[in-house]
């Protein structure tokens, strides 16, 4: 029996809107907390309006627009938390 390969852990997506960049995603990440499920429920209800309001823009502006709309709905900022959080968990972003 073979060992675990990178293909068993990661999926690679091609994003045409990002000039064909390859985006790796872990297959094993499951977020099931009550807060995440509630946030996803609100997002699912409001996502069509958010997308319609932001579409037709270049990718960076589109993502910024979606983050702004999410912020207005109280869904968070879509970016890492405080400078202290970044220093603690993302040393390269300090």
Protein backbone atom coordinates (compact mmCIF):
# COMPACT_ATOMS: atom_id res chain seq x y z
CA UNK A 1 0.00 0.00 0.00
CA UNK A 2 1.37 3.44 -0.98
CA UNK A 3 1.91 6.30 1.43
CA UNK A 4 0.06 9.58 1.50
CA UNK A 5 0.87 11.88 -1.42
CA UNK A 6 0.45 15.62 -1.85
CA UNK A 7 -2.58 14.92 -4.05
CA UNK A 8 -4.22 13.16 -1.10
CA UNK A 9 -3.94 16.32 1.02
CA UNK A 10 -4.23 19.23 -1.43
CA UNK A 11 -6.50 20.20 -4.31
CA UNK A 12 -5.23 22.64 -6.90
CA UNK A 13 -7.64 25.08 -8.51
CA UNK A 14 -6.92 27.30 -11.52
CA UNK A 15 -8.37 30.80 -11.09
CA UNK A 16 -8.85 32.37 -14.55
CA UNK A 17 -9.85 35.63 -12.89
CA UNK A 18 -6.41 35.74 -11.23
CA UNK A 19 -4.51 35.35 -14.49
CA UNK A 20 -4.57 31.56 -14.24
CA UNK A 21 -2.91 31.32 -10.84
CA UNK A 22 -2.92 27.94 -9.14
CA UNK A 23 -4.63 28.03 -5.76
CA UNK A 24 -3.94 25.12 -3.37
CA UNK A 25 -6.63 24.17 -0.85
CA UNK A 26 -6.39 21.52 1.84
CA UNK A 27 -8.96 18.77 1.48
CA UNK A 28 -9.16 18.15 5.21
CA UNK A 29 -10.25 21.55 6.50
CA UNK A 30 -13.75 21.36 7.94
CA UNK A 31 -15.15 24.23 9.98
CA UNK A 32 -18.27 23.22 11.89
CA UNK A 33 -18.48 25.51 14.90
CA UNK A 34 -21.79 27.24 15.66
CA UNK A 35 -20.29 30.65 14.86
CA UNK A 36 -19.04 29.48 11.45
CA UNK A 37 -22.35 27.83 10.58
CA UNK A 38 -24.29 30.98 11.52
CA UNK A 39 -21.91 33.17 9.50
CA UNK A 40 -22.21 30.84 6.50
CA UNK A 41 -26.02 30.92 6.77
CA UNK A 42 -26.10 34.74 6.70
CA UNK A 43 -23.54 34.82 3.90
CA UNK A 44 -25.56 32.33 1.80
CA UNK A 45 -28.65 34.53 2.10
CA UNK A 46 -26.82 37.75 1.19
CA UNK A 47 -24.18 36.45 -1.25
CA UNK A 48 -26.21 36.95 -4.47
CA UNK A 49 -26.78 40.64 -3.71
CA UNK A 50 -23.14 41.10 -2.73
CA UNK A 51 -21.88 39.46 -5.91
CA UNK A 52 -24.26 41.45 -8.11
CA UNK A 53 -23.17 44.71 -6.46
CA UNK A 54 -19.46 43.95 -6.96
CA UNK A 55 -19.26 42.11 -10.27
CA UNK A 56 -17.65 43.52 -13.39
CA UNK A 57 -14.61 44.88 -11.55
CA UNK A 58 -10.97 43.79 -11.74
CA UNK A 59 -10.19 40.96 -9.30
CA UNK A 60 -8.56 43.06 -6.57
CA UNK A 61 -11.38 45.60 -6.60
CA UNK A 62 -13.96 42.79 -6.65
CA UNK A 63 -12.47 41.13 -3.57
CA UNK A 64 -12.22 44.49 -1.79
CA UNK A 65 -15.87 45.18 -2.60
CA UNK A 66 -16.95 41.77 -1.26
CA UNK A 67 -14.99 42.36 1.94
CA UNK A 68 -16.64 45.75 2.37
CA UNK A 69 -20.11 44.23 1.88
CA UNK A 70 -19.30 41.45 4.37
CA UNK A 71 -18.08 44.06 6.86
CA UNK A 72 -21.38 45.94 6.45
CA UNK A 73 -23.28 42.73 7.26
CA UNK A 74 -21.18 42.13 10.36
CA UNK A 75 -19.54 39.04 8.92
CA UNK A 76 -16.00 40.19 9.68
CA UNK A 77 -13.32 41.86 7.66
CA UNK A 78 -11.98 38.91 5.70
CA UNK A 79 -8.44 39.77 6.80
CA UNK A 80 -6.33 38.61 9.71
CA UNK A 81 -7.16 40.18 13.00
CA UNK A 82 -4.97 42.60 14.92
CA UNK A 83 -1.25 43.36 14.58
CA UNK A 84 -0.72 41.25 17.72
CA UNK A 85 -2.50 38.31 16.08
CA UNK A 86 -0.37 38.66 12.95
CA UNK A 87 2.84 38.85 14.98
CA UNK A 88 1.88 35.76 16.94
CA UNK A 89 0.71 33.50 14.09
CA UNK A 90 2.07 35.07 10.89
CA UNK A 91 5.57 36.21 11.70
CA UNK A 92 6.31 37.19 8.08
CA UNK A 93 3.47 39.77 8.18
CA UNK A 94 4.50 41.49 11.42
